[in-house]
Amino acid sequence: MMIFRALSRFAALGLFSAGLLGPQAGPGAAADCASMGRQIAAENGGKLIQAAESNQGGRPVCVVMILLPAKDGQPPRRDRQVIPLD
């Protein structure tokens, strides 16, 4: 039983490193996500807080968090947007 566990962990590690198991996004997707986030923040007059690539429903998306300036005496607010990457 111990040998099977060790072999299955080794196989899973190999699949992850080969990109066959888990997210398919590479370093370029994170850079694209950040640039998309900066563009959206600039269009809305806000500041990019966070941009991260994720999967939702099996599809790659970019999740962007923007800090929008205060209006009418209200505090600044956060805006979360999900943008499809395909």
PDB file of N, CA and C in Angstrom:
ATOM      1  N   MET A   1       0.825  -1.197   0.000  1.00  0.00           N
ATOM      2  CA  MET A   1       0.000   0.000   0.000  1.00  0.00           C
ATOM      3  C   MET A   1       0.868   1.259   0.000  1.00  0.00           C
ATOM      4  N   MET A   2       1.945   1.248   0.745  1.00  0.00           N
ATOM      5  CA  MET A   2       2.833   2.407   0.810  1.00  0.00           C
ATOM      6  C   MET A   2       3.506   2.650  -0.542  1.00  0.00           C
ATOM      7  N   ILE A   3       3.835   1.567  -1.234  1.00  0.00           N
ATOM      8  CA  ILE A   3       4.486   1.706  -2.534  1.00  0.00           C
ATOM      9  C   ILE A   3       3.515   2.323  -3.537  1.00  0.00           C
ATOM     10  N   PHE A   4       2.237   1.918  -3.486  1.00  0.00           N
ATOM     11  CA  PHE A   4       1.233   2.471  -4.391  1.00  0.00           C
ATOM     12  C   PHE A   4       1.065   3.972  -4.157  1.00  0.00           C
ATOM     13  N   ARG A   5       1.013   4.398  -2.892  1.00  0.00           N
ATOM     14  CA  ARG A   5       0.886   5.816  -2.580  1.00  0.00           C
ATOM     15  C   ARG A   5       2.074   6.599  -3.103  1.00  0.00           C
ATOM     16  N   ALA A   6       3.253   6.081  -2.896  1.00  0.00           N
ATOM     17  CA  ALA A   6       4.462   6.768  -3.360  1.00  0.00           C
ATOM     18  C   ALA A   6       4.467   6.881  -4.875  1.00  0.00           C
ATOM     19  N   LEU A   7       4.086   5.810  -5.572  1.00  0.00           N
ATOM     20  CA  LEU A   7       4.061   5.837  -7.033  1.00  0.00           C
ATOM     21  C   LEU A   7       2.979   6.778  -7.558  1.00  0.00           C
ATOM     22  N   SER A   8       1.815   6.807  -6.902  1.00  0.00           N
ATOM     23  CA  SER A   8       0.743   7.692  -7.366  1.00  0.00           C
ATOM     24  C   SER A   8       1.118   9.155  -7.144  1.00  0.00           C
ATOM     25  N   ARG A   9       1.797   9.468  -6.052  1.00  0.00           N
ATOM     26  CA  ARG A   9       2.257  10.838  -5.831  1.00  0.00           C
ATOM     27  C   ARG A   9       3.285  11.233  -6.871  1.00  0.00           C
ATOM     28  N   PHE A  10       4.182  10.326  -7.174  1.00  0.00           N
ATOM     29  CA  PHE A  10       5.207  10.592  -8.177  1.00  0.00           C
ATOM     30  C   PHE A  10       4.571  10.816  -9.547  1.00  0.00           C
ATOM     31  N   ALA A  11       3.563   9.997  -9.886  1.00  0.00           N
ATOM     32  CA  ALA A  11       2.871  10.138 -11.168  1.00  0.00           C
ATOM     33  C   ALA A  11       2.117  11.459 -11.229  1.00  0.00           C
ATOM     34  N   ALA A  12       1.456  11.841 -10.148  1.00  0.00           N
ATOM     35  CA  ALA A  12       0.727  13.106 -10.120  1.00  0.00           C
ATOM     36  C   ALA A  12       1.679  14.283 -10.266  1.00  0.00           C
ATOM     37  N   LEU A  13       2.823  14.213  -9.617  1.00  0.00           N
ATOM     38  CA  LEU A  13       3.821  15.273  -9.737  1.00  0.00           C
ATOM     39  C   LEU A  13       4.289  15.396 -11.179  1.00  0.00           C
ATOM     40  N   GLY A  14       4.498  14.271 -11.837  1.00  0.00           N
ATOM     41  CA  GLY A  14       4.908  14.280 -13.237  1.00  0.00           C
ATOM     42  C   GLY A  14       3.854  14.892 -14.137  1.00  0.00           C
ATOM     43  N   LEU A  15       2.585  14.579 -13.880  1.00  0.00           N
ATOM     44  CA  LEU A  15       1.501  15.142 -14.691  1.00  0.00           C
ATOM     45  C   LEU A  15       1.371  16.643 -14.482  1.00  0.00           C
ATOM     46  N   PHE A  16       1.538  17.096 -13.226  1.00  0.00           N
ATOM     47  CA  PHE A  16       1.492  18.535 -12.963  1.00  0.00           C
ATOM     48  C   PHE A  16       2.616  19.252 -13.687  1.00  0.00           C
ATOM     49  N   SER A  17       3.822  18.701 -13.601  1.00  0.00           N
ATOM     50  CA  SER A  17       4.957  19.371 -14.232  1.00  0.00           C
ATOM     51  C   SER A  17       4.846  19.333 -15.750  1.00  0.00           C
ATOM     52  N   ALA A  18       4.196  18.332 -16.307  1.00  0.00           N
ATOM     53  CA  ALA A  18       4.009  18.259 -17.752  1.00  0.00           C
ATOM     54  C   ALA A  18       2.851  19.143 -18.215  1.00  0.00           C
ATOM     55  N   GLY A  19       2.063  19.659 -17.280  1.00  0.00           N
ATOM     56  CA  GLY A  19       0.948  20.520 -17.635  1.00  0.00           C
ATOM     57  C   GLY A  19      -0.288  19.761 -18.057  1.00  0.00           C
ATOM     58  N   LEU A  20      -0.332  18.464 -17.783  1.00  0.00           N
ATOM     59  CA  LEU A  20      -1.484  17.663 -18.184  1.00  0.00           C
ATOM     60  C   LEU A  20      -2.562  17.618 -17.121  1.00  0.00           C
ATOM     61  N   LEU A  21      -2.213  18.021 -15.917  1.00  0.00           N
ATOM     62  CA  LEU A  21      -3.161  18.014 -14.814  1.00  0.00           C
ATOM     63  C   LEU A  21      -3.121  19.398 -14.183  1.00  0.00           C
ATOM     64  N   GLY A  22      -4.244  19.992 -13.937  1.00  0.00           N
ATOM     65  CA  GLY A  22      -4.261  21.314 -13.328  1.00  0.00           C
ATOM     66  C   GLY A  22      -4.420  22.412 -14.365  1.00  0.00           C
ATOM     67  N   PRO A  23      -4.295  23.679 -13.924  1.00  0.00           N
ATOM     68  CA  PRO A  23      -4.507  24.811 -14.828  1.00  0.00           C
ATOM     69  C   PRO A  23      -3.528  24.805 -15.981  1.00  0.00           C
ATOM     70  N   GLN A  24      -3.991  25.239 -17.131  1.00  0.00           N
ATOM     71  CA  GLN A  24      -3.180  25.247 -18.339  1.00  0.00           C
ATOM     72  C   GLN A  24      -2.537  26.601 -18.587  1.00  0.00           C
ATOM     73  N   ALA A  25      -2.695  27.540 -17.696  1.00  0.00           N
ATOM     74  CA  ALA A  25      -2.158  28.879 -17.927  1.00  0.00           C
ATOM     75  C   ALA A  25      -0.681  28.921 -17.608  1.00  0.00           C
ATOM     76  N   GLY A  26       0.041  29.641 -18.410  1.00  0.00           N
ATOM     77  CA  GLY A  26       1.463  29.807 -18.191  1.00  0.00           C
ATOM     78  C   GLY A  26       1.744  31.194 -17.656  1.00  0.00           C
ATOM     79  N   PRO A  27       3.015  31.581 -17.589  1.00  0.00           N
ATOM     80  CA  PRO A  27       3.364  32.902 -17.085  1.00  0.00           C
ATOM     81  C   PRO A  27       2.797  34.026 -17.948  1.00  0.00           C
ATOM     82  N   GLY A  28       2.578  33.765 -19.233  1.00  0.00           N
ATOM     83  CA  GLY A  28       2.022  34.782 -20.119  1.00  0.00           C
ATOM     84  C   GLY A  28       0.599  35.154 -19.761  1.00  0.00           C
ATOM     85  N   ALA A  29      -0.175  34.189 -19.257  1.00  0.00           N
ATOM     86  CA  ALA A  29      -1.569  34.462 -18.890  1.00  0.00           C
ATOM     87  C   ALA A  29      -1.635  35.438 -17.726  1.00  0.00           C
ATOM     88  N   ALA A  30      -0.740  35.294 -16.757  1.00  0.00           N
ATOM     89  CA  ALA A  30      -0.726  36.209 -15.615  1.00  0.00           C
ATOM     90  C   ALA A  30      -0.363  37.621 -16.062  1.00  0.00           C
ATOM     91  N   ALA A  31       0.583  37.728 -16.983  1.00  0.00           N
ATOM     92  CA  ALA A  31       0.971  39.045 -17.495  1.00  0.00           C
ATOM     93  C   ALA A  31      -0.185  39.668 -18.271  1.00  0.00           C
ATOM     94  N   ASP A  32      -0.878  38.870 -19.089  1.00  0.00           N
ATOM     95  CA  ASP A  32      -2.031  39.375 -19.828  1.00  0.00           C
ATOM     96  C   ASP A  32      -3.129  39.822 -18.874  1.00  0.00           C
ATOM     97  N   CYS A  33      -3.316  39.064 -17.825  1.00  0.00           N
ATOM     98  CA  CYS A  33      -4.338  39.380 -16.837  1.00  0.00           C
ATOM     99  C   CYS A  33      -4.021  40.723 -16.157  1.00  0.00           C
ATOM    100  N   ALA A  34      -2.767  40.925 -15.802  1.00  0.00           N
ATOM    101  CA  ALA A  34      -2.363  42.172 -15.152  1.00  0.00           C
ATOM    102  C   ALA A  34      -2.532  43.358 -16.100  1.00  0.00           C
ATOM    103  N   SER A  35      -2.166  43.185 -17.364  1.00  0.00           N
ATOM    104  CA  SER A  35      -2.308  44.293 -18.314  1.00  0.00           C
ATOM    105  C   SER A  35      -3.784  44.603 -18.568  1.00  0.00           C
ATOM    106  N   MET A  36      -4.620  43.562 -18.627  1.00  0.00           N
ATOM    107  CA  MET A  36      -6.060  43.781 -18.775  1.00  0.00           C
ATOM    108  C   MET A  36      -6.603  44.523 -17.564  1.00  0.00           C
ATOM    109  N   GLY A  37      -6.132  44.149 -16.377  1.00  0.00           N
ATOM    110  CA  GLY A  37      -6.566  44.811 -15.154  1.00  0.00           C
ATOM    111  C   GLY A  37      -6.177  46.281 -15.122  1.00  0.00           C
ATOM    112  N   ARG A  38      -4.938  46.584 -15.548  1.00  0.00           N
ATOM    113  CA  ARG A  38      -4.496  47.980 -15.590  1.00  0.00           C
ATOM    114  C   ARG A  38      -5.345  48.795 -16.578  1.00  0.00           C
ATOM    115  N   GLN A  39      -5.674  48.196 -17.710  1.00  0.00           N
ATOM    116  CA  GLN A  39      -6.486  48.882 -18.715  1.00  0.00           C
ATOM    117  C   GLN A  39      -7.885  49.170 -18.165  1.00  0.00           C
ATOM    118  N   ILE A  40      -8.492  48.193 -17.531  1.00  0.00           N
ATOM    119  CA  ILE A  40      -9.839  48.379 -16.972  1.00  0.00           C
ATOM    120  C   ILE A  40      -9.815  49.425 -15.863  1.00  0.00           C
ATOM    121  N   ALA A  41      -8.774  49.396 -15.022  1.00  0.00           N
ATOM    122  CA  ALA A  41      -8.656  50.382 -13.956  1.00  0.00           C
ATOM    123  C   ALA A  41      -8.518  51.791 -14.530  1.00  0.00           C
ATOM    124  N   ALA A  42      -7.714  51.941 -15.586  1.00  0.00           N
ATOM    125  CA  ALA A  42      -7.534  53.254 -16.203  1.00  0.00           C
ATOM    126  C   ALA A  42      -8.838  53.751 -16.830  1.00  0.00           C
ATOM    127  N   GLU A  43      -9.585  52.868 -17.455  1.00  0.00           N
ATOM    128  CA  GLU A  43     -10.856  53.254 -18.074  1.00  0.00           C
ATOM    129  C   GLU A  43     -11.867  53.723 -17.042  1.00  0.00           C
ATOM    130  N   ASN A  44     -11.808  53.156 -15.832  1.00  0.00           N
ATOM    131  CA  ASN A  44     -12.769  53.499 -14.780  1.00  0.00           C
ATOM    132  C   ASN A  44     -12.231  54.531 -13.795  1.00  0.00           C
ATOM    133  N   GLY A  45     -11.010  55.015 -14.020  1.00  0.00           N
ATOM    134  CA  GLY A  45     -10.427  56.012 -13.128  1.00  0.00           C
ATOM    135  C   GLY A  45     -10.027  55.440 -11.783  1.00  0.00           C
ATOM    136  N   GLY A  46      -9.756  54.147 -11.730  1.00  0.00           N
ATOM    137  CA  GLY A  46      -9.394  53.499 -10.471  1.00  0.00           C
ATOM    138  C   GLY A  46      -7.957  53.031 -10.458  1.00  0.00           C
ATOM    139  N   LYS A  47      -7.657  52.208  -9.461  1.00  0.00           N
ATOM    140  CA  LYS A  47      -6.310  51.673  -9.275  1.00  0.00           C
ATOM    141  C   LYS A  47      -6.411  50.152  -9.186  1.00  0.00           C
ATOM    142  N   LEU A  48      -5.546  49.463  -9.918  1.00  0.00           N
ATOM    143  CA  LEU A  48      -5.537  48.002  -9.885  1.00  0.00           C
ATOM    144  C   LEU A  48      -5.013  47.518  -8.545  1.00  0.00           C
ATOM    145  N   ILE A  49      -5.790  46.666  -7.880  1.00  0.00           N
ATOM    146  CA  ILE A  49      -5.368  46.074  -6.611  1.00  0.00           C
ATOM    147  C   ILE A  49      -4.827  44.676  -6.846  1.00  0.00           C
ATOM    148  N   GLN A  50      -5.551  43.888  -7.640  1.00  0.00           N
ATOM    149  CA  GLN A  50      -5.182  42.494  -7.843  1.00  0.00           C
ATOM    150  C   GLN A  50      -5.691  42.004  -9.188  1.00  0.00           C
ATOM    151  N   ALA A  51      -4.884  41.171  -9.840  1.00  0.00           N
ATOM    152  CA  ALA A  51      -5.292  40.513 -11.073  1.00  0.00           C
ATOM    153  C   ALA A  51      -4.758  39.092 -11.026  1.00  0.00           C
ATOM    154  N   ALA A  52      -5.643  38.113 -11.167  1.00  0.00           N
ATOM    155  CA  ALA A  52      -5.234  36.714 -11.066  1.00  0.00           C
ATOM    156  C   ALA A  52      -5.992  35.878 -12.084  1.00  0.00           C
ATOM    157  N   GLU A  53      -5.283  34.921 -12.678  1.00  0.00           N
ATOM    158  CA  GLU A  53      -5.902  33.982 -13.612  1.00  0.00           C
ATOM    159  C   GLU A  53      -6.528  32.861 -12.815  1.00  0.00           C
ATOM    160  N   SER A  54      -7.714  32.416 -13.239  1.00  0.00           N
ATOM    161  CA  SER A  54      -8.439  31.375 -12.521  1.00  0.00           C
ATOM    162  C   SER A  54      -9.262  30.563 -13.511  1.00  0.00           C
ATOM    163  N   ASN A  55      -9.908  29.534 -13.018  1.00  0.00           N
ATOM    164  CA  ASN A  55     -10.839  28.718 -13.800  1.00  0.00           C
ATOM    165  C   ASN A  55     -12.214  28.819 -13.173  1.00  0.00           C
ATOM    166  N   GLN A  56     -13.210  29.066 -13.996  1.00  0.00           N
ATOM    167  CA  GLN A  56     -14.595  29.071 -13.527  1.00  0.00           C
ATOM    168  C   GLN A  56     -15.417  28.280 -14.530  1.00  0.00           C
ATOM    169  N   GLY A  57     -15.972  27.194 -14.081  1.00  0.00           N
ATOM    170  CA  GLY A  57     -16.760  26.345 -14.959  1.00  0.00           C
ATOM    171  C   GLY A  57     -15.916  25.692 -16.043  1.00  0.00           C
ATOM    172  N   GLY A  58     -14.646  25.453 -15.750  1.00  0.00           N
ATOM    173  CA  GLY A  58     -13.760  24.824 -16.708  1.00  0.00           C
ATOM    174  C   GLY A  58     -13.201  25.770 -17.762  1.00  0.00           C
ATOM    175  N   ARG A  59     -13.490  27.039 -17.643  1.00  0.00           N
ATOM    176  CA  ARG A  59     -13.002  28.029 -18.614  1.00  0.00           C
ATOM    177  C   ARG A  59     -12.027  28.980 -17.923  1.00  0.00           C
ATOM    178  N   PRO A  60     -10.949  29.350 -18.614  1.00  0.00           N
ATOM    179  CA  PRO A  60      -9.988  30.282 -18.017  1.00  0.00           C
ATOM    180  C   PRO A  60     -10.551  31.697 -17.975  1.00  0.00           C
ATOM    181  N   VAL A  61     -10.407  32.343 -16.834  1.00  0.00           N
ATOM    182  CA  VAL A  61     -10.869  33.715 -16.651  1.00  0.00           C
ATOM    183  C   VAL A  61      -9.801  34.517 -15.917  1.00  0.00           C
ATOM    184  N   CYS A  62      -9.926  35.815 -16.004  1.00  0.00           N
ATOM    185  CA  CYS A  62      -9.070  36.732 -15.271  1.00  0.00           C
ATOM    186  C   CYS A  62      -9.949  37.432 -14.239  1.00  0.00           C
ATOM    187  N   VAL A  63      -9.567  37.345 -12.972  1.00  0.00           N
ATOM    188  CA  VAL A  63     -10.319  37.994 -11.903  1.00  0.00           C
ATOM    189  C   VAL A  63      -9.550  39.258 -11.514  1.00  0.00           C
ATOM    190  N   VAL A  64     -10.200  40.413 -11.689  1.00  0.00           N
ATOM    191  CA  VAL A  64      -9.556  41.705 -11.474  1.00  0.00           C
ATOM    192  C   VAL A  64     -10.257  42.432 -10.338  1.00  0.00           C
ATOM    193  N   MET A  65      -9.454  42.981  -9.406  1.00  0.00           N
ATOM    194  CA  MET A  65      -9.993  43.781  -8.307  1.00  0.00           C
ATOM    195  C   MET A  65      -9.452  45.206  -8.468  1.00  0.00           C
ATOM    196  N   ILE A  66     -10.374  46.183  -8.530  1.00  0.00           N
ATOM    197  CA  ILE A  66     -10.014  47.579  -8.761  1.00  0.00           C
ATOM    198  C   ILE A  66     -10.521  48.419  -7.589  1.00  0.00           C
ATOM    199  N   LEU A  67      -9.713  49.376  -7.160  1.00  0.00           N
ATOM    200  CA  LEU A  67     -10.128  50.333  -6.142  1.00  0.00           C
ATOM    201  C   LEU A  67     -10.591  51.599  -6.852  1.00  0.00           C
ATOM    202  N   LEU A  68     -11.876  51.903  -6.722  1.00  0.00           N
ATOM    203  CA  LEU A  68     -12.458  53.079  -7.376  1.00  0.00           C
ATOM    204  C   LEU A  68     -12.477  54.245  -6.393  1.00  0.00           C
ATOM    205  N   PRO A  69     -12.259  55.461  -6.883  1.00  0.00           N
ATOM    206  CA  PRO A  69     -12.202  56.618  -5.984  1.00  0.00           C
ATOM    207  C   PRO A  69     -13.540  56.896  -5.308  1.00  0.00           C
ATOM    208  N   ALA A  70     -13.458  57.635  -4.210  1.00  0.00           N
ATOM    209  CA  ALA A  70     -14.651  57.983  -3.434  1.00  0.00           C
ATOM    210  C   ALA A  70     -15.524  58.962  -4.211  1.00  0.00           C
ATOM    211  N   LYS A  71     -16.836  58.881  -3.961  1.00  0.00           N
ATOM    212  CA  LYS A  71     -17.811  59.795  -4.572  1.00  0.00           C
ATOM    213  C   LYS A  71     -18.788  60.266  -3.507  1.00  0.00           C
ATOM    214  N   ASP A  72     -19.189  61.510  -3.597  1.00  0.00           N
ATOM    215  CA  ASP A  72     -20.260  62.059  -2.744  1.00  0.00           C
ATOM    216  C   ASP A  72     -20.054  61.751  -1.266  1.00  0.00           C
ATOM    217  N   GLY A  73     -18.842  61.882  -0.763  1.00  0.00           N
ATOM    218  CA  GLY A  73     -18.577  61.663   0.648  1.00  0.00           C
ATOM    219  C   GLY A  73     -18.500  60.198   1.060  1.00  0.00           C
ATOM    220  N   GLN A  74     -18.674  59.290   0.124  1.00  0.00           N
ATOM    221  CA  GLN A  74     -18.577  57.861   0.418  1.00  0.00           C
ATOM    222  C   GLN A  74     -17.109  57.435   0.370  1.00  0.00           C
ATOM    223  N   PRO A  75     -16.767  56.353   1.059  1.00  0.00           N
ATOM    224  CA  PRO A  75     -15.380  55.853   0.996  1.00  0.00           C
ATOM    225  C   PRO A  75     -15.096  55.210  -0.363  1.00  0.00           C
ATOM    226  N   PRO A  76     -13.820  55.046  -0.713  1.00  0.00           N
ATOM    227  CA  PRO A  76     -13.499  54.340  -1.961  1.00  0.00           C
ATOM    228  C   PRO A  76     -14.109  52.941  -1.923  1.00  0.00           C
ATOM    229  N   ARG A  77     -14.411  52.416  -3.092  1.00  0.00           N
ATOM    230  CA  ARG A  77     -15.015  51.084  -3.125  1.00  0.00           C
ATOM    231  C   ARG A  77     -14.219  50.165  -4.034  1.00  0.00           C
ATOM    232  N   ARG A  78     -14.366  48.887  -3.779  1.00  0.00           N
ATOM    233  CA  ARG A  78     -13.709  47.870  -4.589  1.00  0.00           C
ATOM    234  C   ARG A  78     -14.679  47.332  -5.630  1.00  0.00           C
ATOM    235  N   ASP A  79     -14.147  47.095  -6.813  1.00  0.00           N
ATOM    236  CA  ASP A  79     -14.959  46.528  -7.895  1.00  0.00           C
ATOM    237  C   ASP A  79     -14.254  45.270  -8.372  1.00  0.00           C
ATOM    238  N   ARG A  80     -14.953  44.145  -8.335  1.00  0.00           N
ATOM    239  CA  ARG A  80     -14.400  42.865  -8.793  1.00  0.00           C
ATOM    240  C   ARG A  80     -15.029  42.527 -10.130  1.00  0.00           C
ATOM    241  N   GLN A  81     -14.169  42.266 -11.119  1.00  0.00           N
ATOM    242  CA  GLN A  81     -14.656  41.916 -12.454  1.00  0.00           C
ATOM    243  C   GLN A  81     -14.022  40.610 -12.891  1.00  0.00           C
ATOM    244  N   VAL A  82     -14.808  39.777 -13.561  1.00  0.00           N
ATOM    245  CA  VAL A  82     -14.335  38.507 -14.098  1.00  0.00           C
ATOM    246  C   VAL A  82     -14.382  38.603 -15.623  1.00  0.00           C
ATOM    247  N   ILE A  83     -13.216  38.433 -16.258  1.00  0.00           N
ATOM    248  CA  ILE A  83     -13.100  38.583 -17.705  1.00  0.00           C
ATOM    249  C   ILE A  83     -12.697  37.264 -18.314  1.00  0.00           C
ATOM    250  N   PRO A  84     -13.446  36.736 -19.284  1.00  0.00           N
ATOM    251  CA  PRO A  84     -13.051  35.472 -19.937  1.00  0.00           C
ATOM    252  C   PRO A  84     -11.759  35.668 -20.730  1.00  0.00           C
ATOM    253  N   LEU A  85     -10.895  34.646 -20.707  1.00  0.00           N
ATOM    254  CA  LEU A  85      -9.618  34.717 -21.412  1.00  0.00           C
ATOM    255  C   LEU A  85      -9.650  34.079 -22.785  1.00  0.00           C
ATOM    256  N   ASP A  86     -10.773  33.523 -23.189  1.00  0.00           N
ATOM    257  CA  ASP A  86     -10.815  32.919 -24.524  1.00  0.00           C
ATOM    258  C   ASP A  86     -11.597  33.725 -25.501  1.00  0.00           C
TER     259      ASP A  86
END
